[in-house]
Amino acid sequence: MTAVPSTAVGGWRSRASAASAPWRERDYRTFLTARVLSAAGAAIAPVALAFAALDVGGTAAALGWILAAGCLPQLLVALIGGIAIDRYPRARILPAGNLALAALQTAAAVLLLTGYAKVPALAGLSAASGTVTAFLDPATKKTLPSLVAPALLQQANALAQTAFNGIKILVPVIGGPLVAYAGPGYAVAFDAVTFSVAAVLLARLPETGTAQAEQSTAWAQFQDGWREFRARG
């Protein structure tokens, strides 16, 4: 058997240590754990909604209405959400947003488990969740860079992206059989629990962003955001 050169082993260990360096930062570790939990619940939610839509509506159109109700608010409110999170402390927005999502998912789970769920009710809850997410996502993205030193930001983003990619691949694959076995109500309830735990973890983070200095009006910021949106379109 050919021995692996010690320099190769040392180089691998050095790269692995550098890649995991952000994890040794307590605030980043807390933030990423919360995000992974909520992302896992959010990844299983579409699978649960698919089963729920078939249960309460029986058609693909029912699922389409529920999913569209969740997506449209995110498109319509995204610019406003980006402005709002620059004017309010993110340390409050993050836990409050996750608690709101937990409450909405709890309501959906109760309706599903008690047999009172209907397509309009699920679509309304989905729309409310999409609206909350439109405010929560910008705050989440702007929080991570403030939790690690600038030199560790690339590794921190890479570590987070690796975790999220794994969730997107594994959770739907595992979640399908679990939802089919346990029922969509319990899957949505699991989503509510992940948001609740995430809110508790995020509440432990220090203040990482405050209201933006009033150097420009909200309308001016909206115009800037709209121009950026059109430039990327």
Protein backbone atom coordinates (compact mmCIF):
# COMPACT_ATOMS: atom_id res chain seq x y z
CA MET A 1 0.00 0.00 0.00
CA THR A 2 1.34 3.39 -0.98
CA ALA A 3 1.67 5.78 1.93
CA VAL A 4 -0.05 9.14 1.64
CA PRO A 5 2.57 11.89 1.85
CA SER A 6 2.41 13.75 5.13
CA THR A 7 2.45 17.04 3.25
CA ALA A 8 -0.76 16.03 1.43
CA VAL A 9 -2.44 15.09 4.69
CA GLY A 10 -1.28 18.31 6.30
CA GLY A 11 -2.56 20.33 3.35
CA TRP A 12 -5.97 18.64 3.50
CA ARG A 13 -6.23 19.28 7.23
CA SER A 14 -5.27 22.90 6.72
CA ARG A 15 -7.93 23.40 4.05
CA ALA A 16 -10.56 21.64 6.16
CA SER A 17 -9.66 23.77 9.16
CA ALA A 18 -9.91 26.96 7.11
CA ALA A 19 -13.28 25.94 5.64
CA SER A 20 -14.74 25.23 9.08
CA ALA A 21 -13.22 28.27 10.78
CA PRO A 22 -16.50 30.27 10.80
CA TRP A 23 -18.20 27.44 12.71
CA ARG A 24 -15.96 28.19 15.68
CA GLU A 25 -17.59 31.62 15.97
CA ARG A 26 -20.46 31.29 18.47
CA ASP A 27 -22.80 33.83 16.87
CA TYR A 28 -22.30 32.37 13.40
CA ARG A 29 -22.85 28.86 14.76
CA THR A 30 -26.11 29.96 16.40
CA PHE A 31 -27.25 31.75 13.25
CA LEU A 32 -26.46 28.87 10.91
CA THR A 33 -28.12 26.31 13.19
CA ALA A 34 -31.28 28.41 13.24
CA ARG A 35 -31.21 28.83 9.47
CA VAL A 36 -30.65 25.11 8.86
CA LEU A 37 -33.58 24.22 11.11
CA SER A 38 -35.97 26.66 9.46
CA ALA A 39 -34.73 25.70 5.99
CA ALA A 40 -35.35 22.02 6.73
CA GLY A 41 -38.92 22.77 7.75
CA ALA A 42 -39.45 25.06 4.78
CA ALA A 43 -38.10 22.40 2.40
CA ILE A 44 -40.66 19.86 3.53
CA ALA A 45 -43.55 22.34 3.44
CA PRO A 46 -44.10 22.20 -0.38
CA VAL A 47 -44.24 18.41 -0.18
CA ALA A 48 -46.79 18.65 2.63
CA LEU A 49 -48.81 21.25 0.71
CA ALA A 50 -48.92 18.97 -2.32
CA PHE A 51 -50.47 16.19 -0.26
CA ALA A 52 -52.74 18.66 1.56
CA ALA A 53 -53.99 20.17 -1.70
CA LEU A 54 -54.91 16.72 -2.99
CA ASP A 55 -56.69 16.00 0.29
CA VAL A 56 -58.75 19.19 0.44
CA GLY A 57 -59.06 20.09 -3.25
CA GLY A 58 -58.32 16.94 -5.13
CA THR A 59 -56.84 18.73 -8.15
CA ALA A 60 -53.54 20.13 -9.35
CA ALA A 61 -55.27 23.51 -9.61
CA ALA A 62 -55.76 23.53 -5.84
CA LEU A 63 -52.04 23.08 -5.32
CA GLY A 64 -51.34 25.80 -7.88
CA TRP A 65 -53.53 28.30 -6.04
CA ILE A 66 -51.87 27.54 -2.70
CA LEU A 67 -48.32 27.77 -4.03
CA ALA A 68 -49.05 30.89 -6.10
CA ALA A 69 -50.53 32.56 -3.03
CA GLY A 70 -47.22 32.06 -1.24
CA CYS A 71 -45.00 33.20 -4.12
CA LEU A 72 -46.81 36.32 -5.33
CA PRO A 73 -46.47 38.31 -2.09
CA GLN A 74 -42.73 37.67 -2.10
CA LEU A 75 -42.48 39.22 -5.56
CA LEU A 76 -44.74 42.16 -4.75
CA VAL A 77 -43.40 43.00 -1.29
CA ALA A 78 -39.71 42.27 -1.85
CA LEU A 79 -38.72 45.88 -2.55
CA ILE A 80 -40.68 47.21 0.42
CA GLY A 81 -39.24 44.50 2.63
CA GLY A 82 -35.70 45.45 1.66
CA ILE A 83 -36.36 49.06 2.66
CA ALA A 84 -38.06 48.17 5.93
CA ILE A 85 -35.31 45.95 7.26
CA ASP A 86 -32.79 48.78 6.87
CA ARG A 87 -34.90 50.94 9.17
CA TYR A 88 -35.54 48.50 12.01
CA PRO A 89 -33.17 46.42 14.17
CA ARG A 90 -32.55 43.04 12.59
CA ALA A 91 -32.14 41.49 16.04
CA ARG A 92 -35.89 42.01 16.43
CA ILE A 93 -36.94 41.28 12.86
CA LEU A 94 -35.35 37.82 12.70
CA PRO A 95 -36.96 36.22 15.78
CA ALA A 96 -40.26 38.05 15.23
CA GLY A 97 -40.43 36.89 11.62
CA ASN A 98 -39.72 33.29 12.54
CA LEU A 99 -42.33 33.40 15.31
CA ALA A 100 -44.87 34.77 12.84
CA LEU A 101 -44.10 31.94 10.41
CA ALA A 102 -44.37 29.42 13.25
CA ALA A 103 -47.82 30.79 14.16
CA LEU A 104 -49.03 30.64 10.56
CA GLN A 105 -47.76 27.09 10.09
CA THR A 106 -49.34 26.08 13.39
CA ALA A 107 -52.68 27.41 12.18
CA ALA A 108 -52.34 25.45 8.93
CA ALA A 109 -51.38 22.30 10.84
CA VAL A 110 -54.39 22.63 13.15
CA LEU A 111 -56.74 23.02 10.17
CA LEU A 112 -55.23 19.99 8.46
CA LEU A 113 -55.20 17.78 11.55
CA THR A 114 -58.78 18.64 12.53
CA GLY A 115 -60.17 18.23 9.03
CA TYR A 116 -61.26 21.86 8.63
CA ALA A 117 -58.70 22.81 5.98
CA LYS A 118 -60.02 24.25 2.74
CA VAL A 119 -58.17 25.60 -0.28
CA PRO A 120 -59.03 29.29 0.41
CA ALA A 121 -57.86 29.02 4.02
CA LEU A 122 -54.58 27.32 3.09
CA ALA A 123 -54.03 29.83 0.27
CA GLY A 124 -54.60 32.72 2.68
CA LEU A 125 -52.13 31.32 5.20
CA SER A 126 -49.66 30.69 2.39
CA ALA A 127 -50.02 34.31 1.26
CA ALA A 128 -49.41 35.55 4.79
CA SER A 129 -46.31 33.37 5.07
CA GLY A 130 -45.02 34.69 1.76
CA THR A 131 -45.47 38.26 2.96
CA VAL A 132 -43.53 37.59 6.17
CA THR A 133 -40.80 35.86 4.18
CA ALA A 134 -40.47 38.90 1.90
CA PHE A 135 -39.44 40.94 4.94
CA LEU A 136 -37.44 38.18 6.62
CA ASP A 137 -35.19 37.12 3.73
CA PRO A 138 -33.41 40.49 3.26
CA ALA A 139 -32.77 40.74 6.99
CA THR A 140 -31.35 37.21 7.03
CA LYS A 141 -29.01 37.84 4.10
CA LYS A 142 -27.70 41.08 5.58
CA THR A 143 -27.08 39.56 9.01
CA LEU A 144 -24.54 36.88 8.11
CA PRO A 145 -21.69 39.25 7.06
CA SER A 146 -21.82 40.97 10.44
CA LEU A 147 -21.32 37.73 12.40
CA VAL A 148 -17.83 36.87 11.19
CA ALA A 149 -14.63 38.72 10.46
CA PRO A 150 -14.30 39.93 6.85
CA ALA A 151 -11.49 37.43 6.29
CA LEU A 152 -13.89 34.57 7.11
CA LEU A 153 -16.87 35.79 5.09
CA GLN A 154 -16.15 33.68 2.01
CA GLN A 155 -15.82 30.51 4.08
CA ALA A 156 -18.94 31.42 6.06
CA ASN A 157 -20.99 31.83 2.89
CA ALA A 158 -19.62 28.63 1.42
CA LEU A 159 -20.36 26.63 4.58
CA ALA A 160 -23.91 27.99 4.74
CA GLN A 161 -24.52 27.33 1.04
CA THR A 162 -23.26 23.75 1.36
CA ALA A 163 -25.68 23.14 4.22
CA PHE A 164 -28.62 24.65 2.34
CA ASN A 165 -27.86 22.70 -0.83
CA GLY A 166 -27.80 19.48 1.17
CA ILE A 167 -31.17 20.34 2.71
CA LYS A 168 -32.72 21.12 -0.68
CA ILE A 169 -31.62 17.73 -1.99
CA LEU A 170 -32.19 15.45 0.98
CA VAL A 171 -35.29 16.82 2.71
CA PRO A 172 -37.73 16.53 -0.23
CA VAL A 173 -36.49 13.01 -0.96
CA ILE A 174 -36.87 11.91 2.66
CA GLY A 175 -39.91 14.08 3.30
CA GLY A 176 -42.11 12.55 0.59
CA PRO A 177 -42.39 9.10 2.19
CA LEU A 178 -42.66 10.64 5.67
CA VAL A 179 -45.51 12.95 4.65
CA ALA A 180 -47.27 10.09 2.90
CA TYR A 181 -46.98 8.00 6.07
CA ALA A 182 -47.69 10.60 8.76
CA GLY A 183 -49.91 12.99 6.82
CA PRO A 184 -49.42 16.61 5.72
CA GLY A 185 -50.71 18.06 8.99
CA TYR A 186 -47.83 16.61 10.99
CA ALA A 187 -45.31 17.74 8.38
CA VAL A 188 -46.60 21.31 8.58
CA ALA A 189 -46.53 21.05 12.37
CA PHE A 190 -42.87 20.04 12.12
CA ASP A 191 -42.27 23.15 10.03
CA ALA A 192 -43.86 25.25 12.78
CA VAL A 193 -41.58 23.68 15.38
CA THR A 194 -38.45 24.42 13.33
CA PHE A 195 -39.44 28.08 13.00
CA SER A 196 -40.11 28.28 16.74
CA VAL A 197 -36.72 26.83 17.66
CA ALA A 198 -35.05 29.10 15.10
CA ALA A 199 -36.73 32.12 16.69
CA VAL A 200 -35.37 31.18 20.11
CA LEU A 201 -31.85 30.78 18.72
CA LEU A 202 -31.97 34.02 16.74
CA ALA A 203 -33.14 35.93 19.79
CA ARG A 204 -29.76 35.12 21.37
CA LEU A 205 -27.82 36.98 18.69
CA PRO A 206 -26.45 40.43 19.47
CA GLU A 207 -27.69 43.46 17.60
CA THR A 208 -26.11 43.23 14.15
CA GLY A 209 -27.91 46.02 12.38
CA THR A 210 -29.95 49.05 13.36
CA ALA A 211 -32.17 51.43 11.60
CA GLN A 212 -30.44 52.98 8.67
CA ALA A 213 -29.47 56.62 9.04
CA GLU A 214 -32.11 58.84 7.53
CA GLN A 215 -29.88 59.98 4.70
CA SER A 216 -32.54 59.32 2.09
CA THR A 217 -36.28 58.95 2.04
CA ALA A 218 -38.06 55.64 1.78
CA TRP A 219 -39.26 56.68 -1.70
CA ALA A 220 -35.69 57.32 -2.81
CA GLN A 221 -34.64 53.90 -1.52
CA PHE A 222 -37.60 52.33 -3.30
CA GLN A 223 -36.55 53.96 -6.57
CA ASP A 224 -32.98 52.74 -6.11
CA GLY A 225 -34.24 49.23 -5.41
CA TRP A 226 -36.52 49.31 -8.44
CA ARG A 227 -33.69 50.39 -10.71
CA GLU A 228 -31.55 47.58 -9.36
CA PHE A 229 -34.40 45.12 -9.86
CA ARG A 230 -34.89 46.21 -13.49
CA ALA A 231 -31.14 46.10 -14.14
CA ARG A 232 -31.05 42.47 -13.02
CA GLY A 233 -34.21 41.54 -14.92
